[in-house]
Amino acid sequence: MMRFLLQPGGSVSGTIRVPGDKSISHRSIMLGALAEGDTEITGFLEGEDALSTLNAFRAMGVQIEGPDNGRVIVHGVGLHGLKAPAAPLDMGNSGTSMRLLAGLIAGQSFAATLIGDESLSKRPMERVAKPLRLMGAVVETQEGGRPPMTIKGQGKLKGIHYDLPMASAQVKSCLLLAGLYAEGETSVTEPAPTRDHTERMLGGFGYAVEKRGAATVAVKSGGKLRGTQIDVPADISSATFFMVAAAIAPDSDITLTHVGINPTRIGVINILRAMGADLTVHNQREVGGEPVADIRVRYAPLKGIEIPEDQVPLAIDEFPALFIAAACAVGKTVLRGAEELRVKESDRIQVMADGLKTLGISAEPTPDGIVIVGGELGGGTIHSHHDHRIAMSFAMASLRAKAPIVIENCDNVATSFPNFVELAQRAGVRIQVEGGR
């Protein structure tokens, strides 16, 4: 198993570009495959999660060239050109792949089984299975609504209106993709804003999407997707580790270039600023329908805060790193309304609390959040539970630690950030790798 070995101290500096946005990389393959004509993608994230999506479409008969240094060409087969896969589709560690593909496959006239690794096999899939059944799909899950999941497309879905019981971009996207094949209109209302990459990209491929007010989005079947060009912005979730690193380590000054700042994803910027971070956003521009910018973070002392609940869905993947910022802040940080963190690649509330306690920080989990009191970080061995974001977050904690940190089970870092160690070393993190592939 791969482990990270980290020496304490140091600072981060320089200008770096982190890999492409994972959410947009997934969707660019999916919509490119369903489009008529070719789609050229640059900045594609060559991490294992996005490659799971790419390989699934190859298995359904789509010709895809690359990836080659982030460049991919997808030869679209149109909305009705996918073929039945010869074997189960392996989604690896990727919940996004499994949930979004479930919606797409529900609209086909063939059946497919979606499988995943040990971590993905524990994640809840009934949240997509239930509304897909309401649309007329036959969906089978295992005990507790877990994968493997078999979807038997009947070739005839009916549009529904669905009120999401909890904010989830993956469930919303699943239903919109199924809606491309459903008779009439499919609409989704969400209780809080979630990332809107699917809606934006459908528009980029020329498919009409209707927004009603702040909370409802709708599609009708019968349209076409047209091949296009997509330049994937750098992933703000990956940039977060370096933003937090600069915010906590004295003498740090780092600039992250071409970062996606979609308004549904900027919770981390808002929360770090509220904690007192010296963070500036400049060179704002739009690329392929997505806003991007350069982000500069310089060290400044942080203070603990009550995290506003309206920011929680806008920062859901960034909380492991933000917990490290909280551990280095003066005073108490309180998070509420984040029960979704308990069903990610790991129970991120419990796993982060355990790790912070190992380093000597007071961290008390609650059912829907955590209370962290900042203090001095020691060293120790951290169990990442095969969760890439846990591993990368504790790697950044080493900048403020007083003793070495060892992080176990870091293989899955490659799912979202294949060159993490190399970039971290270049920026100034004292990290080495032992074991692994």
Protein backbone atom coordinates (compact mmCIF):
# COMPACT_ATOMS: atom_id res chain seq x y z
CA MET A 1 0.00 0.00 0.00
CA MET A 2 1.18 3.52 -0.74
CA ARG A 3 1.90 5.79 2.21
CA PHE A 4 2.95 9.42 2.43
CA LEU A 5 5.86 10.34 4.71
CA LEU A 6 5.87 14.02 5.71
CA GLN A 7 8.50 16.04 7.53
CA PRO A 8 7.18 18.96 9.58
CA GLY A 9 7.38 22.64 8.67
CA GLY A 10 8.06 24.61 5.51
CA SER A 11 5.98 26.96 3.39
CA VAL A 12 4.49 26.91 -0.11
CA SER A 13 5.21 29.34 -2.92
CA GLY A 14 5.22 29.73 -6.69
CA THR A 15 2.69 29.50 -9.50
CA ILE A 16 1.06 26.16 -10.26
CA ARG A 17 -1.83 24.77 -12.30
CA VAL A 18 -3.59 21.82 -10.73
CA PRO A 19 -5.22 19.14 -12.93
CA GLY A 20 -8.53 19.61 -14.72
CA ASP A 21 -11.87 19.67 -12.95
CA LYS A 22 -13.10 16.15 -12.26
CA SER A 23 -16.82 16.98 -12.51
CA ILE A 24 -16.38 18.67 -15.89
CA SER A 25 -14.06 15.92 -17.19
CA HIS A 26 -16.71 13.26 -16.43
CA ARG A 27 -19.48 15.21 -18.12
CA SER A 28 -17.39 16.14 -21.19
CA ILE A 29 -16.98 12.42 -22.00
CA MET A 30 -20.63 11.60 -21.34
CA LEU A 31 -22.13 14.41 -23.41
CA GLY A 32 -19.43 14.11 -26.09
CA ALA A 33 -20.36 10.45 -26.52
CA LEU A 34 -24.07 11.30 -26.92
CA ALA A 35 -23.41 14.18 -29.32
CA GLU A 36 -23.50 14.09 -33.09
CA GLY A 37 -20.02 14.78 -34.46
CA ASP A 38 -16.69 15.02 -32.68
CA THR A 39 -15.88 16.69 -29.37
CA GLU A 40 -12.32 17.82 -28.63
CA ILE A 41 -11.47 18.11 -24.94
CA THR A 42 -8.34 19.82 -23.57
CA GLY A 43 -7.31 19.92 -19.90
CA PHE A 44 -9.03 16.55 -19.29
CA LEU A 45 -8.23 15.09 -15.85
CA GLU A 46 -6.32 11.84 -16.41
CA GLY A 47 -7.24 10.56 -12.96
CA GLU A 48 -8.71 7.12 -12.38
CA ASP A 49 -12.26 8.38 -11.72
CA ALA A 50 -12.58 10.23 -15.04
CA LEU A 51 -10.87 7.32 -16.83
CA SER A 52 -13.55 4.99 -15.40
CA THR A 53 -16.16 7.11 -17.21
CA LEU A 54 -14.09 7.13 -20.43
CA ASN A 55 -13.64 3.34 -20.38
CA ALA A 56 -17.35 2.77 -19.75
CA PHE A 57 -18.23 4.63 -22.97
CA ARG A 58 -15.59 2.70 -24.90
CA ALA A 59 -17.27 -0.45 -23.61
CA MET A 60 -20.57 0.87 -25.02
CA GLY A 61 -19.09 1.27 -28.50
CA VAL A 62 -17.88 4.88 -28.51
CA GLN A 63 -14.57 5.61 -30.25
CA ILE A 64 -12.37 7.80 -28.06
CA GLU A 65 -8.84 8.98 -28.90
CA GLY A 66 -6.45 9.71 -26.02
CA PRO A 67 -6.08 10.92 -23.39
CA ASP A 68 -2.76 12.42 -24.44
CA ASN A 69 -1.53 15.21 -22.14
CA GLY A 70 -5.12 16.10 -21.30
CA ARG A 71 -6.33 16.03 -24.93
CA VAL A 72 -9.20 13.70 -25.80
CA ILE A 73 -11.29 13.38 -28.98
CA VAL A 74 -14.69 11.73 -28.57
CA HIS A 75 -16.41 10.54 -31.75
CA GLY A 76 -20.04 10.98 -30.73
CA VAL A 77 -22.62 8.32 -31.61
CA GLY A 78 -25.72 10.45 -30.97
CA LEU A 79 -28.33 10.00 -28.25
CA HIS A 80 -29.38 6.58 -29.53
CA GLY A 81 -26.06 5.14 -30.70
CA LEU A 82 -24.77 3.42 -27.53
CA LYS A 83 -24.43 -0.37 -27.60
CA ALA A 84 -24.95 -2.89 -24.80
CA PRO A 85 -21.67 -3.57 -22.95
CA ALA A 86 -20.38 -7.14 -23.00
CA ALA A 87 -19.49 -7.11 -19.29
CA PRO A 88 -20.34 -5.12 -16.13
CA LEU A 89 -19.11 -1.51 -16.28
CA ASP A 90 -16.47 -0.94 -13.58
CA MET A 91 -16.76 2.54 -12.05
CA GLY A 92 -13.74 2.03 -9.78
CA ASN A 93 -13.92 4.59 -6.96
CA SER A 94 -16.19 7.04 -8.79
CA GLY A 95 -19.61 7.81 -7.35
CA THR A 96 -20.14 10.46 -10.03
CA SER A 97 -19.62 7.90 -12.82
CA MET A 98 -22.03 5.44 -11.26
CA ARG A 99 -24.84 7.86 -10.45
CA LEU A 100 -24.76 9.82 -13.72
CA LEU A 101 -24.41 6.70 -15.89
CA ALA A 102 -27.41 5.18 -14.10
CA GLY A 103 -29.56 7.97 -15.54
CA LEU A 104 -28.10 7.62 -19.01
CA ILE A 105 -28.46 3.83 -19.13
CA ALA A 106 -32.04 4.04 -17.87
CA GLY A 107 -32.85 5.74 -21.18
CA GLN A 108 -31.32 3.01 -23.37
CA SER A 109 -33.01 -0.11 -24.72
CA PHE A 110 -30.44 -2.45 -23.13
CA ALA A 111 -29.43 -3.52 -19.62
CA ALA A 112 -26.13 -2.87 -17.88
CA THR A 113 -24.64 -3.62 -14.48
CA LEU A 114 -22.49 -1.00 -12.72
CA ILE A 115 -19.85 -2.22 -10.27
CA GLY A 116 -17.17 -0.45 -8.22
CA ASP A 117 -14.32 -0.89 -5.78
CA GLU A 118 -14.63 -1.65 -2.06
CA SER A 119 -15.28 2.00 -1.14
CA LEU A 120 -17.84 2.66 -3.90
CA SER A 121 -19.63 -0.59 -3.08
CA LYS A 122 -20.59 0.91 0.32
CA ARG A 123 -22.10 4.12 -1.07
CA PRO A 124 -25.88 4.75 -1.24
CA MET A 125 -27.37 4.31 -4.72
CA GLU A 126 -31.06 4.17 -3.78
CA ARG A 127 -31.09 7.99 -4.02
CA VAL A 128 -30.86 7.63 -7.83
CA ALA A 129 -32.61 4.26 -8.11
CA LYS A 130 -35.83 5.53 -6.51
CA PRO A 131 -36.55 8.47 -8.89
CA LEU A 132 -35.42 6.42 -11.92
CA ARG A 133 -38.02 3.79 -10.97
CA LEU A 134 -40.64 6.57 -10.86
CA MET A 135 -39.66 7.35 -14.47
CA GLY A 136 -40.29 3.71 -15.45
CA ALA A 137 -36.77 2.24 -15.31
CA VAL A 138 -36.08 -1.17 -13.76
CA VAL A 139 -33.22 -0.66 -11.28
CA GLU A 140 -31.85 -3.34 -8.95
CA THR A 141 -29.49 -2.55 -6.07
CA GLN A 142 -27.99 -4.77 -3.38
CA GLU A 143 -28.82 -4.86 0.34
CA GLY A 144 -29.14 -1.35 1.76
CA GLY A 145 -29.38 0.17 -1.72
CA ARG A 146 -25.67 -0.40 -2.39
CA PRO A 147 -23.85 -1.35 -5.64
CA PRO A 148 -23.62 -3.38 -7.81
CA MET A 149 -26.56 -1.74 -9.55
CA THR A 150 -28.30 -3.24 -12.58
CA ILE A 151 -30.32 -0.91 -14.81
CA LYS A 152 -32.64 -2.41 -17.39
CA GLY A 153 -33.44 0.28 -19.91
CA GLN A 154 -36.92 -0.27 -21.35
CA GLY A 155 -36.41 2.30 -24.12
CA LYS A 156 -39.39 4.24 -22.79
CA LEU A 157 -39.15 6.53 -19.77
CA LYS A 158 -41.72 9.09 -18.73
CA GLY A 159 -40.81 12.57 -17.52
CA ILE A 160 -41.44 13.38 -13.85
CA HIS A 161 -41.07 16.31 -11.50
CA TYR A 162 -38.80 15.39 -8.59
CA ASP A 163 -38.18 17.31 -5.39
CA LEU A 164 -34.71 16.31 -4.20
CA PRO A 165 -34.87 15.23 -0.53
CA MET A 166 -31.30 16.49 -0.09
CA ALA A 167 -29.04 18.73 -2.16
CA SER A 168 -27.13 16.48 -4.59
CA ALA A 169 -25.70 17.48 -7.96
CA GLN A 170 -25.22 13.80 -8.79
CA VAL A 171 -28.90 12.92 -8.34
CA LYS A 172 -29.99 16.08 -10.20
CA SER A 173 -27.62 15.28 -13.09
CA CYS A 174 -28.73 11.64 -13.20
CA LEU A 175 -32.36 12.70 -13.67
CA LEU A 176 -31.56 15.36 -16.27
CA LEU A 177 -29.61 12.79 -18.31
CA ALA A 178 -32.50 10.32 -18.03
CA GLY A 179 -34.78 13.21 -19.05
CA LEU A 180 -33.05 13.41 -22.44
CA TYR A 181 -34.83 10.10 -23.16
CA ALA A 182 -38.10 10.55 -21.24
CA GLU A 183 -41.47 11.33 -22.78
CA GLY A 184 -42.42 14.93 -22.02
CA GLU A 185 -40.60 17.07 -19.48
CA THR A 186 -38.32 16.08 -16.59
CA SER A 187 -37.80 18.70 -13.89
CA VAL A 188 -35.86 18.72 -10.63
CA THR A 189 -36.19 21.11 -7.68
CA GLU A 190 -33.33 21.22 -5.19
CA PRO A 191 -33.47 22.36 -1.53
CA ALA A 192 -30.15 24.22 -1.82
CA PRO A 193 -27.93 25.16 -4.79
CA THR A 194 -25.57 22.44 -6.04
CA ARG A 195 -23.00 22.45 -8.83
CA ASP A 196 -24.59 23.15 -12.20
CA HIS A 197 -21.96 21.75 -14.59
CA THR A 198 -24.46 19.40 -16.26
CA GLU A 199 -26.91 22.20 -17.10
CA ARG A 200 -24.14 24.49 -18.36
CA MET A 201 -22.57 21.78 -20.50
CA LEU A 202 -25.89 20.64 -21.99
CA GLY A 203 -26.29 24.25 -23.14
CA GLY A 204 -22.73 24.20 -24.50
CA PHE A 205 -23.66 21.15 -26.62
CA GLY A 206 -26.72 23.02 -27.92
CA TYR A 207 -29.38 21.27 -25.82
CA ALA A 208 -32.14 23.46 -24.36
CA VAL A 209 -32.27 23.57 -20.55
CA GLU A 210 -34.90 25.63 -18.75
CA LYS A 211 -34.23 27.20 -15.36
CA ARG A 212 -37.22 28.26 -13.27
CA GLY A 213 -36.36 30.51 -10.40
CA ALA A 214 -33.32 29.65 -8.27
CA ALA A 215 -34.18 26.03 -7.52
CA THR A 216 -35.76 24.24 -10.51
CA VAL A 217 -34.24 23.00 -13.76
CA ALA A 218 -36.04 21.17 -16.58
CA VAL A 219 -35.30 19.37 -19.87
CA LYS A 220 -37.53 17.91 -22.58
CA SER A 221 -36.65 14.97 -24.79
CA GLY A 222 -36.38 15.26 -28.57
CA GLY A 223 -33.35 17.54 -28.80
CA LYS A 224 -29.86 16.86 -30.14
CA LEU A 225 -26.37 17.36 -28.77
CA ARG A 226 -23.79 18.76 -31.20
CA GLY A 227 -20.07 18.01 -30.88
CA THR A 228 -18.04 20.93 -29.54
CA GLN A 229 -14.73 21.97 -27.97
CA ILE A 230 -14.23 21.93 -24.22
CA ASP A 231 -11.29 23.41 -22.29
CA VAL A 232 -11.58 21.94 -18.79
CA PRO A 233 -10.73 24.45 -16.03
CA ALA A 234 -8.37 23.46 -13.20
CA ASP A 235 -10.31 21.76 -10.38
CA ILE A 236 -11.10 24.07 -7.44
CA SER A 237 -11.30 20.97 -5.19
CA SER A 238 -7.68 20.12 -6.05
CA ALA A 239 -6.63 23.78 -5.79
CA THR A 240 -8.10 23.84 -2.28
CA PHE A 241 -5.24 21.81 -0.79
CA PHE A 242 -2.74 24.46 -1.88
CA MET A 243 -5.04 27.33 -0.88
CA VAL A 244 -5.23 25.90 2.63
CA ALA A 245 -1.48 25.18 2.65
CA ALA A 246 -0.66 28.84 1.92
CA ALA A 247 -3.29 30.06 4.38
CA ILE A 248 -1.78 28.09 7.32
CA ALA A 249 2.00 28.14 6.65
CA PRO A 250 3.93 31.34 7.50
CA ASP A 251 5.88 32.94 4.60
CA SER A 252 3.65 31.25 1.99
CA ASP A 253 2.57 32.96 -1.25
CA ILE A 254 1.06 30.78 -3.97
CA THR A 255 -0.86 31.47 -7.19
CA LEU A 256 -3.14 28.83 -8.73
CA THR A 257 -3.92 29.47 -12.39
CA HIS A 258 -6.99 28.80 -14.61
CA VAL A 259 -9.11 27.59 -11.65
CA GLY A 260 -12.82 27.01 -12.24
CA ILE A 261 -14.81 29.45 -10.07
CA ASN A 262 -18.32 28.26 -10.92
CA PRO A 263 -20.61 30.06 -8.42
CA THR A 264 -21.90 26.68 -7.21
CA ARG A 265 -18.35 25.67 -6.18
CA ILE A 266 -16.83 28.73 -4.45
CA GLY A 267 -17.78 27.93 -0.86
CA VAL A 268 -14.11 27.27 -0.04
CA ILE A 269 -13.15 30.80 -1.15
CA ASN A 270 -15.94 32.35 0.92
CA ILE A 271 -15.17 30.25 4.00
CA LEU A 272 -11.39 30.87 3.92
CA ARG A 273 -11.99 34.61 3.55
CA ALA A 274 -14.40 34.54 6.51
CA MET A 275 -11.60 32.88 8.53
CA GLY A 276 -9.27 35.76 7.65
CA ALA A 277 -7.30 34.28 4.74
CA ASP A 278 -5.43 36.68 2.44
CA LEU A 279 -7.01 35.40 -0.78
CA THR A 280 -7.41 37.35 -4.02
CA VAL A 281 -9.18 36.29 -7.23
CA HIS A 282 -7.95 37.96 -10.42
CA ASN A 283 -7.82 37.57 -14.22
CA GLN A 284 -11.46 36.41 -14.29
CA ARG A 285 -12.71 35.14 -17.64
CA GLU A 286 -15.10 32.61 -19.16
CA VAL A 287 -14.00 29.42 -20.93
CA GLY A 288 -16.61 27.19 -22.57
CA GLY A 289 -19.43 28.49 -20.41
CA GLU A 290 -17.48 28.07 -17.16
CA PRO A 291 -15.97 31.02 -15.24
CA VAL A 292 -12.23 30.67 -14.48
CA ALA A 293 -9.68 32.84 -12.65
CA ASP A 294 -6.26 32.88 -11.01
CA ILE A 295 -6.27 32.63 -7.21
CA ARG A 296 -3.46 34.02 -5.03
CA VAL A 297 -3.19 33.09 -1.35
CA ARG A 298 -0.67 34.54 1.08
CA TYR A 299 -0.22 33.50 4.68
CA ALA A 300 -2.33 35.33 7.27
CA PRO A 301 -3.42 34.18 10.76
CA LEU A 302 -6.80 32.42 10.64
CA LYS A 303 -9.63 32.59 13.17
CA GLY A 304 -12.28 30.00 13.95
CA ILE A 305 -15.81 30.70 12.67
CA GLU A 306 -19.33 29.27 12.56
CA ILE A 307 -19.49 28.10 8.95
CA PRO A 308 -22.63 29.56 7.30
CA GLU A 309 -24.98 26.72 6.37
CA ASP A 310 -25.70 28.27 2.96
CA GLN A 311 -22.02 27.67 2.08
CA VAL A 312 -22.07 23.94 2.93
CA PRO A 313 -23.33 22.62 -0.47
CA LEU A 314 -20.91 25.00 -2.23
CA ALA A 315 -17.90 23.44 -0.42
CA ILE A 316 -18.94 19.85 0.26
CA ASP A 317 -15.80 18.24 -1.24
CA GLU A 318 -13.46 20.84 0.28
CA PHE A 319 -14.28 20.26 3.95
CA PRO A 320 -11.47 17.79 4.74
CA ALA A 321 -8.94 20.49 3.75
CA LEU A 322 -10.97 23.21 5.50
CA PHE A 323 -10.85 21.13 8.71
CA ILE A 324 -7.04 21.44 8.55
CA ALA A 325 -7.43 25.22 8.25
CA ALA A 326 -9.73 25.12 11.30
CA ALA A 327 -7.14 23.10 13.25
CA CYS A 328 -4.60 25.88 12.58
CA ALA A 329 -7.00 28.74 13.38
CA VAL A 330 -7.32 30.61 16.68
CA GLY A 331 -10.53 29.62 18.44
CA LYS A 332 -13.42 27.33 17.56
CA THR A 333 -14.82 26.39 14.15
CA VAL A 334 -18.32 24.89 14.01
CA LEU A 335 -19.80 23.08 11.00
CA ARG A 336 -23.48 22.10 10.81
CA GLY A 337 -25.75 20.80 8.04
CA ALA A 338 -23.10 18.59 6.43
CA GLU A 339 -24.43 15.05 7.03
CA GLU A 340 -23.61 14.32 3.35
CA LEU A 341 -19.93 14.11 4.42
CA ARG A 342 -20.71 10.85 6.22
CA VAL A 343 -21.46 8.99 2.95
CA LYS A 344 -18.53 10.12 0.79
CA GLU A 345 -15.52 7.88 -0.05
CA SER A 346 -15.27 7.53 3.73
CA ASP A 347 -17.22 8.97 6.67
CA ARG A 348 -15.25 12.19 6.31
CA ILE A 349 -16.52 13.69 9.56
CA GLN A 350 -15.40 10.73 11.69
CA VAL A 351 -12.18 10.01 9.77
CA MET A 352 -11.04 13.65 9.91
CA ALA A 353 -11.94 13.90 13.61
CA ASP A 354 -9.90 10.75 14.35
CA GLY A 355 -6.92 12.08 12.41
CA LEU A 356 -7.03 15.52 14.01
CA LYS A 357 -7.16 13.91 17.47
CA THR A 358 -4.08 11.86 16.54
CA LEU A 359 -2.30 15.17 15.89
CA GLY A 360 -3.45 16.56 19.26
CA ILE A 361 -6.35 18.73 18.10
CA SER A 362 -9.75 18.88 19.81
CA ALA A 363 -12.24 17.69 17.17
CA GLU A 364 -15.71 16.57 18.23
CA PRO A 365 -17.99 15.05 15.56
CA THR A 366 -21.73 15.78 15.62
CA PRO A 367 -24.39 13.94 13.56
CA ASP A 368 -24.26 16.62 10.83
CA GLY A 369 -20.91 18.30 11.38
CA ILE A 370 -17.95 18.88 13.68
CA VAL A 371 -16.55 21.28 16.28
CA ILE A 372 -12.80 21.93 15.95
CA VAL A 373 -10.72 23.98 18.38
CA GLY A 374 -7.47 25.22 16.82
CA GLY A 375 -4.18 24.39 18.49
CA GLU A 376 -0.65 23.10 18.01
CA LEU A 377 -0.33 20.14 15.63
CA GLY A 378 1.84 17.22 16.61
CA GLY A 379 2.78 14.22 14.49
CA GLY A 380 1.57 10.65 14.18
CA THR A 381 0.12 8.04 11.84
CA ILE A 382 -3.08 8.93 10.01
CA HIS A 383 -5.43 6.34 8.51
CA SER A 384 -6.93 7.80 5.33
CA HIS A 385 -9.39 4.90 4.85
CA HIS A 386 -8.48 4.90 1.12
CA ASP A 387 -10.04 8.39 0.79
CA HIS A 388 -7.98 10.64 -1.51
CA ARG A 389 -9.17 13.91 0.06
CA ILE A 390 -8.34 12.76 3.59
CA ALA A 391 -4.79 11.82 2.49
CA MET A 392 -4.12 15.12 0.69
CA SER A 393 -5.59 17.21 3.52
CA PHE A 394 -3.33 15.71 6.18
CA ALA A 395 -0.35 16.07 3.85
CA MET A 396 -0.89 19.86 4.03
CA ALA A 397 -1.23 19.71 7.84
CA SER A 398 2.48 18.78 7.96
CA LEU A 399 3.37 22.41 7.17
CA ARG A 400 2.25 23.37 10.68
CA ALA A 401 3.11 20.13 12.48
CA LYS A 402 5.84 19.81 15.11
CA ALA A 403 6.71 16.19 14.25
CA PRO A 404 6.59 13.85 11.23
CA ILE A 405 3.25 12.59 9.88
CA VAL A 406 2.71 9.23 8.16
CA ILE A 407 -0.46 8.80 6.09
CA GLU A 408 -1.56 5.24 5.27
CA ASN A 409 -3.47 3.96 2.19
CA CYS A 410 -2.85 6.82 -0.24
CA ASP A 411 -3.29 4.87 -3.51
CA ASN A 412 -6.63 6.56 -4.28
CA VAL A 413 -5.03 10.01 -4.54
CA ALA A 414 -4.58 9.07 -8.22
CA THR A 415 -8.39 9.06 -8.66
CA SER A 416 -8.55 12.86 -8.64
CA PHE A 417 -5.00 14.26 -8.55
CA PRO A 418 -2.42 12.02 -10.28
CA ASN A 419 0.53 14.46 -9.94
CA PHE A 420 -0.26 15.63 -6.39
CA VAL A 421 3.05 14.55 -4.83
CA GLU A 422 5.13 16.14 -7.59
CA LEU A 423 3.26 19.49 -7.35
CA ALA A 424 3.34 19.44 -3.54
CA GLN A 425 7.12 18.88 -3.56
CA ARG A 426 7.58 21.67 -6.09
CA ALA A 427 5.52 24.08 -3.97
CA GLY A 428 7.54 23.28 -0.83
CA VAL A 429 5.75 20.46 1.02
CA ARG A 430 8.24 17.98 2.54
CA ILE A 431 6.55 14.85 1.22
CA GLN A 432 7.92 11.46 0.16
CA VAL A 433 6.14 8.33 -1.03
CA GLU A 434 6.71 4.76 0.13
CA GLY A 435 5.21 1.61 -1.47
CA GLY A 436 2.21 1.64 -3.79
CA ARG A 437 1.89 1.11 -7.51
